[in-house]
Amino acid sequence: MSRKKVTILDLQRKKENGRPITMLTAYDFTGAQLVDKAEIDVILVGDSLGMVVLGYDSTVPVTMAEMLHHCRAVARGAQFALTVGDMPFLSYQTDLVEAVRNAGLLLKEGRMDSVKLEGGREMVLTIEAIIRAGMPVMGHIGLTPQSQSKLGGYKVQGKTAVSAHNLLQDALALEAAGCFSIVLEAVPEPVATAISQRLTIPTLGIGAGAGCDGQVLVYHDLLGLFDRLQPRFVKEYANLGQTILNAFVAYRDDVADGRFPAAEHTYPMSEAEEAEFRRMIAE
C-alpha cells in the first residue's frame, strides 16, 4: 500500500481509534527527510530552533524571518508528515491583523500545512481570526516557553487543583475556538489525562505523560545533540553528540598526522597530462 500524506483528519481518526500520534521537531531539509522516513505523523518546525540551532538562550528572540527560513527547508524535505510552523514571539500577540498575516506567511511562504501558537483563553480571538482566514491552528498550553519569564522559568504547570482546572478550561476554550489539536507541555500526568479524555480533538504531550493522544519531542534532545537544557521528560534515544565529537577529533588527528586525505580520496591525472602540465608551468 502506497504511503499517503498525513492530514488533520488522520490525526482525528487516530484519537477516535485509540492509536497514538507521533510528532517530532525538525529544522532543516536533512532532518525533515529523516523524520519523514521514520513515518512520524507530524513534523513541528518549532521556535525551539532558537535554542538548539541558533544558540539563543530562549525562544523569545526568534523572528518570523528565521522561522520562514527553516520552515521552507523542512517543507522541501517532508513529503508525507503533516507540517506545523511555530508562530514566534510577538508575531501574533499584538494585533489580530498581524497575527493572521504572519500565520498566512508560514503557510504561503514557509509552505507549512498549519501553524501553532501558545496560550489559553486569552488567545481565543486570535485563533478564531486565523481559522476564519482558512488556516488550521494547533494550540499549546501548560508550560509555554515564550512566556517562561512570566511563569517563573521552565516549571511544571497545573500542579494545584485550581491551576489544573484553569488548564482544562483553557483546553476546552481552544477546542471551541477551532484548534485541531493541542500541545500539553510540562503538565502532571493526571491533569493531562483528564484534559485528553474531555476533549474531542487530539492532545500531544511533551512532559505530560502517557494519557495524551500523542507525544512530541525535540529532535536534538532525542538524539543527544543538545545538553544546555535537559528536561526530565526527555528520553535520549541516541548520544549522537558524543559520536559526532569523536568523528571530528578523529578527522583532526588524521589531518594532523597525514593520514587524510589518502590516495583513495584524491582524483588521478594521466601521466602524460601531468607531464605536459609540469612542462607548461616550468616554462
Protein backbone atom coordinates (compact mmCIF):
# COMPACT_ATOMS: atom_id res chain seq x y z
CA MET A 1 0.00 0.00 0.00
CA SER A 2 1.46 3.35 -1.05
CA ARG A 3 2.12 5.87 1.68
CA LYS A 4 -0.10 8.96 1.76
CA LYS A 5 0.24 12.46 3.12
CA VAL A 6 -0.91 12.73 6.76
CA THR A 7 -3.89 15.05 7.23
CA ILE A 8 -5.70 16.61 10.19
CA LEU A 9 -8.48 14.08 9.64
CA ASP A 10 -5.94 11.26 10.02
CA LEU A 11 -4.94 12.64 13.44
CA GLN A 12 -8.58 12.86 14.47
CA ARG A 13 -9.19 9.27 13.40
CA LYS A 14 -6.18 8.14 15.41
CA LYS A 15 -7.64 9.72 18.55
CA GLU A 16 -11.03 8.16 17.91
CA ASN A 17 -9.46 4.73 17.38
CA GLY A 18 -7.07 5.00 20.34
CA ARG A 19 -3.94 4.94 18.17
CA PRO A 20 -1.11 7.19 19.46
CA ILE A 21 0.07 10.12 17.33
CA THR A 22 3.79 10.80 16.89
CA MET A 23 5.33 14.25 16.44
CA LEU A 24 8.95 15.40 16.27
CA THR A 25 10.56 18.73 15.57
CA ALA A 26 12.82 19.30 12.57
CA TYR A 27 14.61 22.44 11.44
CA ASP A 28 16.29 21.68 8.11
CA PHE A 29 15.98 19.64 4.91
CA THR A 30 18.08 16.67 6.05
CA GLY A 31 16.42 16.45 9.44
CA ALA A 32 12.96 16.62 7.88
CA GLN A 33 13.83 13.83 5.45
CA LEU A 34 14.97 11.56 8.27
CA VAL A 35 11.91 12.24 10.41
CA ASP A 36 9.67 11.68 7.40
CA LYS A 37 11.37 8.40 6.51
CA ALA A 38 10.67 7.20 10.06
CA GLU A 39 6.94 7.66 9.27
CA ILE A 40 6.38 10.19 12.04
CA ASP A 41 2.86 11.65 11.76
CA VAL A 42 3.64 15.32 12.39
CA ILE A 43 6.73 17.50 11.95
CA LEU A 44 6.83 20.67 14.02
CA VAL A 45 9.18 23.42 12.95
CA GLY A 46 9.43 24.67 16.50
CA ASP A 47 10.69 28.01 17.68
CA SER A 48 12.91 25.81 19.85
CA LEU A 49 15.26 26.24 16.88
CA GLY A 50 16.25 29.46 18.60
CA MET A 51 17.98 27.43 21.29
CA VAL A 52 19.07 24.21 19.60
CA VAL A 53 20.04 25.66 16.20
CA LEU A 54 20.67 29.39 16.60
CA GLY A 55 22.14 29.41 20.12
CA TYR A 56 19.75 31.86 21.78
CA ASP A 57 19.10 31.45 25.50
CA SER A 58 15.34 31.12 24.94
CA THR A 59 12.75 31.04 22.16
CA VAL A 60 11.89 34.73 22.61
CA PRO A 61 14.46 36.23 20.17
CA VAL A 62 13.31 34.08 17.22
CA THR A 63 11.96 36.17 14.33
CA MET A 64 9.43 35.50 11.58
CA ALA A 65 12.25 35.66 9.02
CA GLU A 66 14.13 32.92 10.86
CA MET A 67 11.02 30.77 11.16
CA LEU A 68 10.24 31.15 7.46
CA HIS A 69 13.80 30.23 6.51
CA HIS A 70 13.67 26.98 8.47
CA CYS A 71 10.07 26.18 7.50
CA ARG A 72 10.97 26.33 3.82
CA ALA A 73 13.90 23.97 4.37
CA VAL A 74 11.73 21.48 6.25
CA ALA A 75 8.95 21.69 3.66
CA ARG A 76 11.44 20.68 0.97
CA GLY A 77 12.37 17.57 2.98
CA ALA A 78 8.99 16.47 4.34
CA GLN A 79 6.85 14.63 1.82
CA PHE A 80 4.31 12.79 3.97
CA ALA A 81 4.18 14.21 7.51
CA LEU A 82 1.71 16.94 8.44
CA THR A 83 3.84 20.05 8.95
CA VAL A 84 3.27 22.66 11.66
CA GLY A 85 5.05 26.01 11.81
CA ASP A 86 5.50 27.70 15.18
CA MET A 87 4.43 31.33 15.37
CA PRO A 88 7.29 33.15 17.12
CA PHE A 89 7.01 35.61 19.99
CA LEU A 90 5.21 38.87 19.09
CA SER A 91 4.10 37.55 15.70
CA TYR A 92 0.53 37.06 16.96
CA GLN A 93 0.13 38.65 20.41
CA THR A 94 -0.17 42.32 19.50
CA ASP A 95 -2.70 42.64 16.66
CA LEU A 96 -5.26 40.36 15.03
CA VAL A 97 -4.48 41.54 11.51
CA GLU A 98 -0.77 40.98 12.04
CA ALA A 99 -1.45 37.55 13.55
CA VAL A 100 -3.48 36.47 10.51
CA ARG A 101 -0.86 37.87 8.16
CA ASN A 102 2.01 36.06 9.90
CA ALA A 103 0.08 32.80 10.04
CA GLY A 104 -0.52 33.19 6.33
CA LEU A 105 3.17 33.73 5.70
CA LEU A 106 4.01 30.44 7.42
CA LEU A 107 1.63 28.65 5.04
CA LYS A 108 2.23 30.70 1.87
CA GLU A 109 5.99 31.32 2.06
CA GLY A 110 7.01 28.75 4.67
CA ARG A 111 4.91 26.06 2.92
CA MET A 112 3.57 24.69 6.20
CA ASP A 113 0.28 22.80 6.47
CA SER A 114 -0.71 24.53 9.71
CA VAL A 115 0.50 26.82 12.49
CA LYS A 116 0.95 26.55 16.26
CA LEU A 117 0.68 29.28 18.83
CA GLU A 118 0.94 29.41 22.61
CA GLY A 119 -1.71 30.50 25.10
CA GLY A 120 -5.11 29.65 26.53
CA ARG A 121 -8.35 31.59 26.75
CA GLU A 122 -6.56 34.89 26.14
CA MET A 123 -5.70 33.67 22.62
CA VAL A 124 -9.21 32.60 21.57
CA LEU A 125 -9.96 35.69 19.47
CA THR A 126 -6.62 35.38 17.69
CA ILE A 127 -7.13 31.68 16.99
CA GLU A 128 -10.64 32.29 15.68
CA ALA A 129 -9.39 35.03 13.35
CA ILE A 130 -6.67 32.80 11.91
CA ILE A 131 -9.09 29.91 11.43
CA ARG A 132 -11.66 32.19 9.77
CA ALA A 133 -8.94 33.06 7.27
CA GLY A 134 -8.75 29.38 6.38
CA MET A 135 -5.66 28.28 8.32
CA PRO A 136 -5.53 25.31 10.73
CA VAL A 137 -4.25 26.06 14.24
CA MET A 138 -2.61 23.81 16.83
CA GLY A 139 -2.87 25.15 20.39
CA HIS A 140 -0.24 24.97 23.13
CA ILE A 141 -0.89 25.27 26.87
CA GLY A 142 0.83 24.31 30.11
CA LEU A 143 4.44 25.42 30.07
CA THR A 144 4.55 27.97 27.26
CA PRO A 145 8.24 28.74 26.62
CA GLN A 146 7.58 32.19 25.11
CA SER A 147 6.04 33.18 28.46
CA GLN A 148 8.53 31.38 30.71
CA SER A 149 9.64 34.66 32.34
CA LYS A 150 6.04 35.31 33.44
CA LEU A 151 5.76 31.72 34.65
CA GLY A 152 8.92 31.99 36.74
CA GLY A 153 11.06 29.82 34.48
CA TYR A 154 10.68 26.40 32.91
CA LYS A 155 8.34 24.98 35.56
CA VAL A 156 5.60 22.38 35.62
CA GLN A 157 2.14 23.92 35.23
CA GLY A 158 -1.14 22.70 36.73
CA LYS A 159 0.27 21.27 39.98
CA THR A 160 -2.57 22.67 42.13
CA ALA A 161 -6.26 21.86 41.78
CA VAL A 162 -7.08 25.45 40.81
CA SER A 163 -4.31 25.76 38.20
CA ALA A 164 -5.15 22.33 36.80
CA HIS A 165 -8.81 23.35 36.44
CA ASN A 166 -7.69 26.52 34.68
CA LEU A 167 -5.72 24.42 32.20
CA LEU A 168 -8.80 22.34 31.50
CA GLN A 169 -10.83 25.49 30.88
CA ASP A 170 -8.11 26.75 28.54
CA ALA A 171 -8.14 23.46 26.62
CA LEU A 172 -11.91 23.49 26.26
CA ALA A 173 -11.79 27.10 25.05
CA LEU A 174 -9.15 26.28 22.43
CA GLU A 175 -11.20 23.36 21.21
CA ALA A 176 -14.30 25.56 20.97
CA ALA A 177 -12.26 28.17 19.07
CA GLY A 178 -11.48 25.57 16.40
CA CYS A 179 -7.99 24.23 17.17
CA PHE A 180 -7.43 20.84 15.52
CA SER A 181 -5.13 19.68 18.34
CA ILE A 182 -3.41 20.96 21.47
CA VAL A 183 0.11 20.52 22.83
CA LEU A 184 0.24 19.98 26.60
CA GLU A 185 3.72 20.77 27.94
CA ALA A 186 5.07 20.02 31.42
CA VAL A 187 1.70 19.13 32.94
CA PRO A 188 1.15 16.46 35.65
CA GLU A 189 0.00 13.21 34.10
CA PRO A 190 -3.40 13.05 35.87
CA VAL A 191 -4.21 16.55 34.64
CA ALA A 192 -3.13 15.88 31.05
CA THR A 193 -5.06 12.60 31.03
CA ALA A 194 -8.23 14.28 32.31
CA ILE A 195 -7.92 17.02 29.67
CA SER A 196 -7.33 14.47 26.90
CA GLN A 197 -10.39 12.46 27.93
CA ARG A 198 -12.63 15.55 27.89
CA LEU A 199 -11.54 16.87 24.51
CA THR A 200 -12.74 15.57 21.16
CA ILE A 201 -9.57 16.84 19.45
CA PRO A 202 -6.15 15.17 19.91
CA THR A 203 -3.67 16.21 22.59
CA LEU A 204 0.08 15.92 22.10
CA GLY A 205 2.10 15.65 25.27
CA ILE A 206 5.62 16.77 25.99
CA GLY A 207 6.28 16.03 29.62
CA ALA A 208 2.58 15.33 30.14
CA GLY A 209 2.51 11.56 30.50
CA ALA A 210 1.06 8.63 28.58
CA GLY A 211 -2.56 9.74 28.86
CA CYS A 212 -2.25 12.15 25.95
CA ASP A 213 -3.33 11.15 22.45
CA GLY A 214 0.21 11.52 21.15
CA GLN A 215 3.74 12.53 22.07
CA VAL A 216 6.24 15.12 20.84
CA LEU A 217 9.96 15.51 21.47
CA VAL A 218 12.62 17.91 20.23
CA TYR A 219 14.90 16.43 17.55
CA HIS A 220 18.13 17.47 19.27
CA ASP A 221 17.00 16.22 22.69
CA LEU A 222 16.03 12.79 21.38
CA LEU A 223 19.38 12.40 19.60
CA GLY A 224 21.59 13.71 22.40
CA LEU A 225 22.72 16.73 20.39
CA PHE A 226 21.85 19.45 22.93
CA ASP A 227 22.95 19.43 26.55
CA ARG A 228 22.39 23.03 27.67
CA LEU A 229 18.89 22.22 28.92
CA GLN A 230 17.85 18.64 29.74
CA PRO A 231 14.22 18.41 30.90
CA ARG A 232 13.13 15.42 32.96
CA PHE A 233 10.64 14.34 30.29
CA VAL A 234 13.29 13.79 27.59
CA LYS A 235 14.24 10.25 26.64
CA GLU A 236 17.57 10.21 24.84
CA TYR A 237 17.38 7.53 22.17
CA ALA A 238 20.95 8.09 20.94
CA ASN A 239 24.02 10.01 22.06
CA LEU A 240 24.95 11.36 18.67
CA GLY A 241 26.62 14.40 20.18
CA GLN A 242 29.46 12.24 21.51
CA THR A 243 29.56 10.16 18.31
CA ILE A 244 29.89 13.32 16.20
CA LEU A 245 32.54 14.77 18.52
CA ASN A 246 34.55 11.54 18.28
CA ALA A 247 34.36 11.72 14.48
CA PHE A 248 35.56 15.35 14.46
CA VAL A 249 38.51 14.52 16.71
CA ALA A 250 39.44 11.52 14.53
CA TYR A 251 39.35 13.76 11.46
CA ARG A 252 41.52 16.38 13.15
CA ASP A 253 44.11 13.75 14.12
CA ASP A 254 44.11 12.16 10.65
CA VAL A 255 44.82 15.51 9.01
CA ALA A 256 47.47 16.42 11.58
CA ASP A 257 49.23 13.06 11.17
CA GLY A 258 48.96 12.95 7.37
CA ARG A 259 46.53 10.03 7.19
CA PHE A 260 43.87 12.08 5.44
CA PRO A 261 43.44 12.53 2.56
CA ALA A 262 44.78 9.17 1.41
CA ALA A 263 45.15 8.09 -2.21
CA GLU A 264 41.55 6.83 -2.37
CA HIS A 265 40.28 10.32 -1.50
CA THR A 266 42.07 12.09 -4.37
CA TYR A 267 41.47 12.39 -8.13
CA PRO A 268 44.12 10.96 -10.50
CA MET A 269 45.60 12.52 -13.64
CA SER A 270 47.14 10.70 -16.57
CA GLU A 271 50.92 10.64 -16.55
CA ALA A 272 51.06 12.26 -19.98
CA GLU A 273 48.81 15.16 -18.96
CA GLU A 274 50.67 15.64 -15.71
CA ALA A 275 53.98 15.71 -17.57
CA GLU A 276 52.62 18.28 -20.03
CA PHE A 277 51.21 20.37 -17.14
CA ARG A 278 54.57 20.37 -15.37
CA ARG A 279 56.35 21.34 -18.61
CA MET A 280 53.93 24.25 -19.07
CA ILE A 281 54.40 25.67 -15.56
CA ALA A 282 58.17 25.17 -15.79
CA GLU A 283 58.21 27.49 -18.79
